[in-house]
PDB file of N, CA and C in Angstrom:
ATOM      1  N   UNK A   1     -15.445  -2.843  -9.910  1.00  0.00           N
ATOM      2  CA  UNK A   1     -14.717  -3.886  -9.213  1.00  0.00           C
ATOM      3  C   UNK A   1     -13.455  -3.323  -8.575  1.00  0.00           C
ATOM      4  N   UNK A   2     -12.977  -2.195  -9.039  1.00  0.00           N
ATOM      5  CA  UNK A   2     -11.739  -1.655  -8.508  1.00  0.00           C
ATOM      6  C   UNK A   2     -11.882  -1.224  -7.060  1.00  0.00           C
ATOM      7  N   UNK A   3     -13.102  -0.901  -6.630  1.00  0.00           N
ATOM      8  CA  UNK A   3     -13.309  -0.451  -5.274  1.00  0.00           C
ATOM      9  C   UNK A   3     -13.396  -1.583  -4.263  1.00  0.00           C
ATOM     10  N   UNK A   4     -13.451  -2.804  -4.719  1.00  0.00           N
ATOM     11  CA  UNK A   4     -13.561  -3.916  -3.777  1.00  0.00           C
ATOM     12  C   UNK A   4     -12.230  -4.660  -3.707  1.00  0.00           C
ATOM     13  N   UNK A   5     -12.130  -5.531  -2.723  1.00  0.00           N
ATOM     14  CA  UNK A   5     -10.905  -6.335  -2.604  1.00  0.00           C
ATOM     15  C   UNK A   5     -11.217  -7.783  -2.963  1.00  0.00           C
ATOM     16  N   UNK A   6     -12.135  -7.982  -3.872  1.00  0.00           N
ATOM     17  CA  UNK A   6     -12.564  -9.314  -4.272  1.00  0.00           C
ATOM     18  C   UNK A   6     -11.398 -10.118  -4.832  1.00  0.00           C
ATOM     19  N   UNK A   7     -11.082 -11.209  -4.179  1.00  0.00           N
ATOM     20  CA  UNK A   7     -10.049 -12.106  -4.692  1.00  0.00           C
ATOM     21  C   UNK A   7      -8.622 -11.754  -4.348  1.00  0.00           C
ATOM     22  N   UNK A   8      -8.409 -10.684  -3.603  1.00  0.00           N
ATOM     23  CA  UNK A   8      -7.042 -10.282  -3.279  1.00  0.00           C
ATOM     24  C   UNK A   8      -6.621 -10.895  -1.946  1.00  0.00           C
ATOM     25  N   UNK A   9      -6.588 -12.240  -1.912  1.00  0.00           N
ATOM     26  CA  UNK A   9      -6.200 -12.955  -0.703  1.00  0.00           C
ATOM     27  C   UNK A   9      -5.188 -14.030  -1.076  1.00  0.00           C
ATOM     28  N   UNK A  10      -4.393 -14.469  -0.113  1.00  0.00           N
ATOM     29  CA  UNK A  10      -3.455 -15.555  -0.414  1.00  0.00           C
ATOM     30  C   UNK A  10      -4.157 -16.819  -0.914  1.00  0.00           C
ATOM     31  N   UNK A  11      -5.336 -17.118  -0.373  1.00  0.00           N
ATOM     32  CA  UNK A  11      -6.082 -18.307  -0.812  1.00  0.00           C
ATOM     33  C   UNK A  11      -6.479 -18.190  -2.281  1.00  0.00           C
ATOM     34  N   UNK A  12      -6.971 -17.031  -2.681  1.00  0.00           N
ATOM     35  CA  UNK A  12      -7.392 -16.837  -4.069  1.00  0.00           C
ATOM     36  C   UNK A  12      -6.198 -16.890  -5.021  1.00  0.00           C
ATOM     37  N   UNK A  13      -5.138 -16.188  -4.681  1.00  0.00           N
ATOM     38  CA  UNK A  13      -3.965 -16.164  -5.550  1.00  0.00           C
ATOM     39  C   UNK A  13      -3.356 -17.551  -5.711  1.00  0.00           C
ATOM     40  N   UNK A  14      -3.268 -18.304  -4.623  1.00  0.00           N
ATOM     41  CA  UNK A  14      -2.670 -19.636  -4.688  1.00  0.00           C
ATOM     42  C   UNK A  14      -3.540 -20.585  -5.506  1.00  0.00           C
ATOM     43  N   UNK A  15      -4.846 -20.582  -5.239  1.00  0.00           N
ATOM     44  CA  UNK A  15      -5.751 -21.456  -5.986  1.00  0.00           C
ATOM     45  C   UNK A  15      -5.751 -21.162  -7.479  1.00  0.00           C
ATOM     46  N   UNK A  16      -5.772 -19.891  -7.833  1.00  0.00           N
ATOM     47  CA  UNK A  16      -5.783 -19.512  -9.248  1.00  0.00           C
ATOM     48  C   UNK A  16      -4.443 -19.843  -9.907  1.00  0.00           C
ATOM     49  N   UNK A  17      -3.342 -19.647  -9.204  1.00  0.00           N
ATOM     50  CA  UNK A  17      -2.032 -19.962  -9.774  1.00  0.00           C
ATOM     51  C   UNK A  17      -1.901 -21.458 -10.058  1.00  0.00           C
ATOM     52  N   UNK A  18      -2.328 -22.280  -9.120  1.00  0.00           N
ATOM     53  CA  UNK A  18      -2.268 -23.725  -9.330  1.00  0.00           C
ATOM     54  C   UNK A  18      -3.187 -24.133 -10.483  1.00  0.00           C
ATOM     55  N   UNK A  19      -4.388 -23.564 -10.532  1.00  0.00           N
ATOM     56  CA  UNK A  19      -5.317 -23.885 -11.622  1.00  0.00           C
ATOM     57  C   UNK A  19      -4.747 -23.439 -12.969  1.00  0.00           C
ATOM     58  N   UNK A  20      -4.094 -22.293 -13.009  1.00  0.00           N
ATOM     59  CA  UNK A  20      -3.491 -21.812 -14.252  1.00  0.00           C
ATOM     60  C   UNK A  20      -2.410 -22.776 -14.737  1.00  0.00           C
ATOM     61  N   UNK A  21      -1.613 -23.269 -13.803  1.00  0.00           N
ATOM     62  CA  UNK A  21      -0.592 -24.261 -14.174  1.00  0.00           C
ATOM     63  C   UNK A  21      -1.262 -25.513 -14.739  1.00  0.00           C
ATOM     64  N   UNK A  22      -2.371 -25.922 -14.135  1.00  0.00           N
ATOM     65  CA  UNK A  22      -3.112 -27.068 -14.640  1.00  0.00           C
ATOM     66  C   UNK A  22      -3.643 -26.842 -16.045  1.00  0.00           C
ATOM     67  N   UNK A  23      -4.141 -25.625 -16.317  1.00  0.00           N
ATOM     68  CA  UNK A  23      -4.606 -25.294 -17.669  1.00  0.00           C
ATOM     69  C   UNK A  23      -3.454 -25.364 -18.671  1.00  0.00           C
ATOM     70  N   UNK A  24      -2.297 -24.879 -18.260  1.00  0.00           N
ATOM     71  CA  UNK A  24      -1.127 -24.947 -19.152  1.00  0.00           C
ATOM     72  C   UNK A  24      -0.731 -26.390 -19.432  1.00  0.00           C
ATOM     73  N   UNK A  25      -0.752 -27.220 -18.409  1.00  0.00           N
ATOM     74  CA  UNK A  25      -0.425 -28.640 -18.593  1.00  0.00           C
ATOM     75  C   UNK A  25      -1.423 -29.281 -19.550  1.00  0.00           C
ATOM     76  N   UNK A  26      -2.715 -29.068 -19.297  1.00  0.00           N
ATOM     77  CA  UNK A  26      -3.742 -29.657 -20.158  1.00  0.00           C
ATOM     78  C   UNK A  26      -3.625 -29.160 -21.591  1.00  0.00           C
ATOM     79  N   UNK A  27      -3.353 -27.885 -21.749  1.00  0.00           N
ATOM     80  CA  UNK A  27      -3.207 -27.327 -23.094  1.00  0.00           C
ATOM     81  C   UNK A  27      -2.023 -27.922 -23.838  1.00  0.00           C
ATOM     82  N   UNK A  28      -0.908 -28.050 -23.140  1.00  0.00           N
ATOM     83  CA  UNK A  28       0.280 -28.616 -23.790  1.00  0.00           C
ATOM     84  C   UNK A  28       0.042 -30.067 -24.206  1.00  0.00           C
ATOM     85  N   UNK A  29      -0.570 -30.835 -23.339  1.00  0.00           N
ATOM     86  CA  UNK A  29      -0.797 -32.236 -23.664  1.00  0.00           C
ATOM     87  C   UNK A  29      -1.935 -32.428 -24.664  1.00  0.00           C
ATOM     88  N   UNK A  30      -2.814 -31.424 -24.792  1.00  0.00           N
ATOM     89  CA  UNK A  30      -3.815 -31.480 -25.855  1.00  0.00           C
ATOM     90  C   UNK A  30      -3.119 -31.363 -27.205  1.00  0.00           C
ATOM     91  N   UNK A  31      -2.188 -30.420 -27.298  1.00  0.00           N
ATOM     92  CA  UNK A  31      -1.437 -30.240 -28.541  1.00  0.00           C
ATOM     93  C   UNK A  31      -0.595 -31.481 -28.851  1.00  0.00           C
ATOM     94  N   UNK A  32      -0.058 -32.111 -27.821  1.00  0.00           N
ATOM     95  CA  UNK A  32       0.758 -33.303 -28.005  1.00  0.00           C
ATOM     96  C   UNK A  32      -0.080 -34.570 -28.190  1.00  0.00           C
ATOM     97  N   UNK A  33      -1.403 -34.432 -28.143  1.00  0.00           N
ATOM     98  CA  UNK A  33      -2.349 -35.543 -28.311  1.00  0.00           C
ATOM     99  C   UNK A  33      -2.084 -36.663 -27.305  1.00  0.00           C
ATOM    100  N   UNK A  34      -1.915 -36.275 -26.054  1.00  0.00           N
ATOM    101  CA  UNK A  34      -1.671 -37.244 -24.982  1.00  0.00           C
ATOM    102  C   UNK A  34      -2.798 -37.149 -23.956  1.00  0.00           C
ATOM    103  N   UNK A  35      -3.772 -38.060 -24.025  1.00  0.00           N
ATOM    104  CA  UNK A  35      -4.903 -37.996 -23.095  1.00  0.00           C
ATOM    105  C   UNK A  35      -4.495 -38.108 -21.623  1.00  0.00           C
ATOM    106  N   UNK A  36      -3.496 -38.918 -21.320  1.00  0.00           N
ATOM    107  CA  UNK A  36      -3.068 -39.077 -19.932  1.00  0.00           C
ATOM    108  C   UNK A  36      -2.550 -37.747 -19.367  1.00  0.00           C
ATOM    109  N   UNK A  37      -1.731 -37.046 -20.128  1.00  0.00           N
ATOM    110  CA  UNK A  37      -1.230 -35.743 -19.691  1.00  0.00           C
ATOM    111  C   UNK A  37      -2.335 -34.716 -19.575  1.00  0.00           C
ATOM    112  N   UNK A  38      -3.297 -34.770 -20.501  1.00  0.00           N
ATOM    113  CA  UNK A  38      -4.441 -33.860 -20.444  1.00  0.00           C
ATOM    114  C   UNK A  38      -5.192 -34.045 -19.129  1.00  0.00           C
ATOM    115  N   UNK A  39      -5.507 -35.291 -18.788  1.00  0.00           N
ATOM    116  CA  UNK A  39      -6.260 -35.550 -17.563  1.00  0.00           C
ATOM    117  C   UNK A  39      -5.432 -35.241 -16.320  1.00  0.00           C
ATOM    118  N   UNK A  40      -4.125 -35.385 -16.407  1.00  0.00           N
ATOM    119  CA  UNK A  40      -3.269 -34.985 -15.287  1.00  0.00           C
ATOM    120  C   UNK A  40      -3.396 -33.481 -15.045  1.00  0.00           C
ATOM    121  N   UNK A  41      -3.452 -32.704 -16.132  1.00  0.00           N
ATOM    122  CA  UNK A  41      -3.651 -31.260 -16.001  1.00  0.00           C
ATOM    123  C   UNK A  41      -5.004 -30.921 -15.388  1.00  0.00           C
ATOM    124  N   UNK A  42      -6.037 -31.681 -15.756  1.00  0.00           N
ATOM    125  CA  UNK A  42      -7.362 -31.463 -15.170  1.00  0.00           C
ATOM    126  C   UNK A  42      -7.321 -31.734 -13.669  1.00  0.00           C
ATOM    127  N   UNK A  43      -6.594 -32.767 -13.266  1.00  0.00           N
ATOM    128  CA  UNK A  43      -6.446 -33.070 -11.835  1.00  0.00           C
ATOM    129  C   UNK A  43      -5.750 -31.916 -11.121  1.00  0.00           C
ATOM    130  N   UNK A  44      -4.733 -31.334 -11.744  1.00  0.00           N
ATOM    131  CA  UNK A  44      -4.032 -30.192 -11.140  1.00  0.00           C
ATOM    132  C   UNK A  44      -4.994 -29.009 -10.988  1.00  0.00           C
ATOM    133  N   UNK A  45      -5.863 -28.793 -11.967  1.00  0.00           N
ATOM    134  CA  UNK A  45      -6.862 -27.719 -11.869  1.00  0.00           C
ATOM    135  C   UNK A  45      -7.755 -27.944 -10.653  1.00  0.00           C
ATOM    136  N   UNK A  46      -8.229 -29.165 -10.475  1.00  0.00           N
ATOM    137  CA  UNK A  46      -9.089 -29.477  -9.338  1.00  0.00           C
ATOM    138  C   UNK A  46      -8.340 -29.326  -8.017  1.00  0.00           C
ATOM    139  N   UNK A  47      -7.067 -29.696  -8.007  1.00  0.00           N
ATOM    140  CA  UNK A  47      -6.248 -29.528  -6.804  1.00  0.00           C
ATOM    141  C   UNK A  47      -6.145 -28.038  -6.451  1.00  0.00           C
ATOM    142  N   UNK A  48      -6.035 -27.183  -7.462  1.00  0.00           N
ATOM    143  CA  UNK A  48      -5.993 -25.739  -7.211  1.00  0.00           C
ATOM    144  C   UNK A  48      -7.246 -25.254  -6.497  1.00  0.00           C
ATOM    145  N   UNK A  49      -8.402 -25.767  -6.911  1.00  0.00           N
ATOM    146  CA  UNK A  49      -9.646 -25.387  -6.244  1.00  0.00           C
ATOM    147  C   UNK A  49      -9.700 -25.867  -4.807  1.00  0.00           C
ATOM    148  N   UNK A  50      -9.253 -27.089  -4.594  1.00  0.00           N
ATOM    149  CA  UNK A  50      -9.252 -27.652  -3.239  1.00  0.00           C
ATOM    150  C   UNK A  50      -8.277 -26.887  -2.344  1.00  0.00           C
ATOM    151  N   UNK A  51      -7.090 -26.593  -2.853  1.00  0.00           N
ATOM    152  CA  UNK A  51      -6.097 -25.845  -2.064  1.00  0.00           C
ATOM    153  C   UNK A  51      -6.650 -24.461  -1.698  1.00  0.00           C
ATOM    154  N   UNK A  52      -7.298 -23.793  -2.642  1.00  0.00           N
ATOM    155  CA  UNK A  52      -7.890 -22.485  -2.353  1.00  0.00           C
ATOM    156  C   UNK A  52      -8.947 -22.563  -1.262  1.00  0.00           C
ATOM    157  N   UNK A  53      -9.806 -23.585  -1.319  1.00  0.00           N
ATOM    158  CA  UNK A  53     -10.851 -23.734  -0.299  1.00  0.00           C
ATOM    159  C   UNK A  53     -10.253 -24.072   1.068  1.00  0.00           C
ATOM    160  N   UNK A  54      -9.224 -24.922   1.089  1.00  0.00           N
ATOM    161  CA  UNK A  54      -8.585 -25.274   2.356  1.00  0.00           C
ATOM    162  C   UNK A  54      -7.906 -24.045   2.964  1.00  0.00           C
ATOM    163  N   UNK A  55      -7.238 -23.261   2.133  1.00  0.00           N
ATOM    164  CA  UNK A  55      -6.585 -22.046   2.643  1.00  0.00           C
ATOM    165  C   UNK A  55      -7.615 -21.045   3.152  1.00  0.00           C
ATOM    166  N   UNK A  56      -8.760 -20.953   2.474  1.00  0.00           N
ATOM    167  CA  UNK A  56      -9.827 -20.052   2.932  1.00  0.00           C
ATOM    168  C   UNK A  56     -10.344 -20.524   4.285  1.00  0.00           C
ATOM    169  N   UNK A  57     -10.540 -21.840   4.429  1.00  0.00           N
ATOM    170  CA  UNK A  57     -11.004 -22.394   5.701  1.00  0.00           C
ATOM    171  C   UNK A  57      -9.976 -22.168   6.813  1.00  0.00           C
ATOM    172  N   UNK A  58      -8.699 -22.096   6.452  1.00  0.00           N
ATOM    173  CA  UNK A  58      -7.636 -21.872   7.431  1.00  0.00           C
ATOM    174  C   UNK A  58      -7.503 -20.393   7.804  1.00  0.00           C
ATOM    175  N   UNK A  59      -8.321 -19.536   7.209  1.00  0.00           N
ATOM    176  CA  UNK A  59      -8.301 -18.123   7.564  1.00  0.00           C
ATOM    177  C   UNK A  59      -7.502 -17.244   6.630  1.00  0.00           C
ATOM    178  N   UNK A  60      -7.054 -17.786   5.497  1.00  0.00           N
ATOM    179  CA  UNK A  60      -6.266 -16.987   4.557  1.00  0.00           C
ATOM    180  C   UNK A  60      -7.119 -16.410   3.436  1.00  0.00           C
ATOM    181  N   UNK A  61      -8.422 -16.588   3.530  1.00  0.00           N
ATOM    182  CA  UNK A  61      -9.339 -16.023   2.540  1.00  0.00           C
ATOM    183  C   UNK A  61      -9.961 -14.754   3.076  1.00  0.00           C
ATOM    184  N   UNK A  62     -10.961 -14.274   2.373  1.00  0.00           N
ATOM    185  CA  UNK A  62     -11.636 -13.049   2.761  1.00  0.00           C
ATOM    186  C   UNK A  62     -12.633 -13.337   3.881  1.00  0.00           C
ATOM    187  N   UNK A  63     -12.606 -12.526   4.912  1.00  0.00           N
ATOM    188  CA  UNK A  63     -13.538 -12.693   6.027  1.00  0.00           C
ATOM    189  C   UNK A  63     -14.946 -12.297   5.594  1.00  0.00           C
ATOM    190  N   UNK A  64     -15.945 -12.987   6.156  1.00  0.00           N
ATOM    191  CA  UNK A  64     -17.323 -12.647   5.838  1.00  0.00           C
ATOM    192  C   UNK A  64     -17.676 -11.338   6.529  1.00  0.00           C
ATOM    193  N   UNK A  65     -18.532 -10.579   5.867  1.00  0.00           N
ATOM    194  CA  UNK A  65     -18.929  -9.273   6.376  1.00  0.00           C
ATOM    195  C   UNK A  65     -19.946  -9.442   7.507  1.00  0.00           C
ATOM    196  N   UNK A  66     -19.750  -8.726   8.601  1.00  0.00           N
ATOM    197  CA  UNK A  66     -20.683  -8.794   9.726  1.00  0.00           C
ATOM    198  C   UNK A  66     -21.939  -7.995   9.403  1.00  0.00           C
ATOM    199  N   UNK A  67     -23.008  -8.249  10.151  1.00  0.00           N
ATOM    200  CA  UNK A  67     -24.263  -7.507   9.949  1.00  0.00           C
ATOM    201  C   UNK A  67     -24.061  -6.019  10.189  1.00  0.00           C
ATOM    202  N   UNK A  68     -23.249  -5.680  11.180  1.00  0.00           N
ATOM    203  CA  UNK A  68     -22.992  -4.275  11.491  1.00  0.00           C
ATOM    204  C   UNK A  68     -22.283  -3.577  10.321  1.00  0.00           C
ATOM    205  N   UNK A  69     -21.300  -4.246   9.743  1.00  0.00           N
ATOM    206  CA  UNK A  69     -20.583  -3.662   8.600  1.00  0.00           C
ATOM    207  C   UNK A  69     -21.502  -3.527   7.392  1.00  0.00           C
ATOM    208  N   UNK A  70     -22.363  -4.505   7.158  1.00  0.00           N
ATOM    209  CA  UNK A  70     -23.291  -4.455   6.031  1.00  0.00           C
ATOM    210  C   UNK A  70     -24.247  -3.269   6.178  1.00  0.00           C
ATOM    211  N   UNK A  71     -24.781  -3.069   7.397  1.00  0.00           N
ATOM    212  CA  UNK A  71     -25.687  -1.934   7.629  1.00  0.00           C
ATOM    213  C   UNK A  71     -24.957  -0.606   7.419  1.00  0.00           C
ATOM    214  N   UNK A  72     -23.716  -0.510   7.908  1.00  0.00           N
ATOM    215  CA  UNK A  72     -22.951   0.725   7.749  1.00  0.00           C
ATOM    216  C   UNK A  72     -22.675   1.012   6.275  1.00  0.00           C
ATOM    217  N   UNK A  73     -22.358  -0.046   5.501  1.00  0.00           N
ATOM    218  CA  UNK A  73     -22.101   0.147   4.075  1.00  0.00           C
ATOM    219  C   UNK A  73     -23.366   0.592   3.346  1.00  0.00           C
ATOM    220  N   UNK A  74     -24.508  -0.004   3.693  1.00  0.00           N
ATOM    221  CA  UNK A  74     -25.771   0.384   3.058  1.00  0.00           C
ATOM    222  C   UNK A  74     -26.142   1.820   3.397  1.00  0.00           C
ATOM    223  N   UNK A  75     -25.937   2.225   4.664  1.00  0.00           N
ATOM    224  CA  UNK A  75     -26.234   3.606   5.061  1.00  0.00           C
ATOM    225  C   UNK A  75     -25.313   4.584   4.340  1.00  0.00           C
ATOM    226  N   UNK A  76     -24.043   4.229   4.201  1.00  0.00           N
ATOM    227  CA  UNK A  76     -23.104   5.097   3.497  1.00  0.00           C
ATOM    228  C   UNK A  76     -23.498   5.218   2.027  1.00  0.00           C
ATOM    229  N   UNK A  77     -23.992   4.140   1.443  1.00  0.00           N
ATOM    230  CA  UNK A  77     -24.432   4.175   0.049  1.00  0.00           C
ATOM    231  C   UNK A  77     -25.638   5.064  -0.144  1.00  0.00           C
ATOM    232  N   UNK A  78     -26.550   5.050   0.832  1.00  0.00           N
ATOM    233  CA  UNK A  78     -27.733   5.921   0.737  1.00  0.00           C
ATOM    234  C   UNK A  78     -27.361   7.379   0.938  1.00  0.00           C
ATOM    235  N   UNK A  79     -26.319   7.654   1.734  1.00  0.00           N
ATOM    236  CA  UNK A  79     -25.907   9.024   2.008  1.00  0.00           C
ATOM    237  C   UNK A  79     -25.191   9.652   0.820  1.00  0.00           C
ATOM    238  N   UNK A  80     -24.626   8.846  -0.066  1.00  0.00           N
ATOM    239  CA  UNK A  80     -23.908   9.356  -1.236  1.00  0.00           C
ATOM    240  C   UNK A  80     -24.909   9.862  -2.270  1.00  0.00           C
ATOM    241  N   UNK A  81     -24.713  11.060  -2.776  1.00  0.00           N
ATOM    242  CA  UNK A  81     -25.590  11.519  -3.859  1.00  0.00           C
ATOM    243  C   UNK A  81     -25.257  10.761  -5.139  1.00  0.00           C
ATOM    244  N   UNK A  82     -26.284  10.315  -5.813  1.00  0.00           N
ATOM    245  CA  UNK A  82     -26.080   9.588  -7.064  1.00  0.00           C
ATOM    246  C   UNK A  82     -25.810  10.578  -8.188  1.00  0.00           C
ATOM    247  N   UNK A  83     -24.724  10.373  -8.896  1.00  0.00           N
ATOM    248  CA  UNK A  83     -24.376  11.280  -9.988  1.00  0.00           C
ATOM    249  C   UNK A  83     -25.184  10.926 -11.233  1.00  0.00           C
ATOM    250  N   UNK A  84     -25.514  11.920 -11.967  1.00  0.00           N
ATOM    251  CA  UNK A  84     -26.261  11.739 -13.221  1.00  0.00           C
ATOM    252  C   UNK A  84     -25.270  11.696 -14.364  1.00  0.00           C
ATOM    253  N   UNK A  85     -25.346  10.676 -15.168  1.00  0.00           N
ATOM    254  CA  UNK A  85     -24.486  10.559 -16.323  1.00  0.00           C
ATOM    255  C   UNK A  85     -25.219  11.181 -17.506  1.00  0.00           C
ATOM    256  N   UNK A  86     -24.560  12.126 -18.152  1.00  0.00           N
ATOM    257  CA  UNK A  86     -25.180  12.790 -19.282  1.00  0.00           C
ATOM    258  C   UNK A  86     -24.672  12.157 -20.572  1.00  0.00           C
ATOM    259  N   UNK A  87     -25.587  11.748 -21.417  1.00  0.00           N
ATOM    260  CA  UNK A  87     -25.237  11.146 -22.690  1.00  0.00           C
ATOM    261  C   UNK A  87     -25.442  12.208 -23.760  1.00  0.00           C
ATOM    262  N   UNK A  88     -24.426  12.426 -24.547  1.00  0.00           N
ATOM    263  CA  UNK A  88     -24.536  13.444 -25.605  1.00  0.00           C
ATOM    264  C   UNK A  88     -24.676  12.819 -26.938  1.00  0.00           C
TER     265      UNK A  88
END
C-alpha cells in the first residue's frame, strides 16, 4: 500500500476526520448512557461520508485512471522481473 496514493486526498482526509469526530461523540455518549447523544454522533459519522463524497465530486478526490495509464502500468508490471522470496 505504500506505493500507492490511496486515500491521500483532501476529500478522504476531511471525510475521515469528520467521521472520527462522530465516533468520539458516539463513544462518549455511550459511556454516559445518553441515546440522544449517541445518535447525534452517528449522524456526524454519516455527514463525514457525505462531505467526503461531495468533495470528491467537486474534484478534490482521486482522479480515475485513464485507459492509457492503465495499459502503461500493466506493461510496466510485466517488464519488471518478479523477485523470488526464499524461505529458510
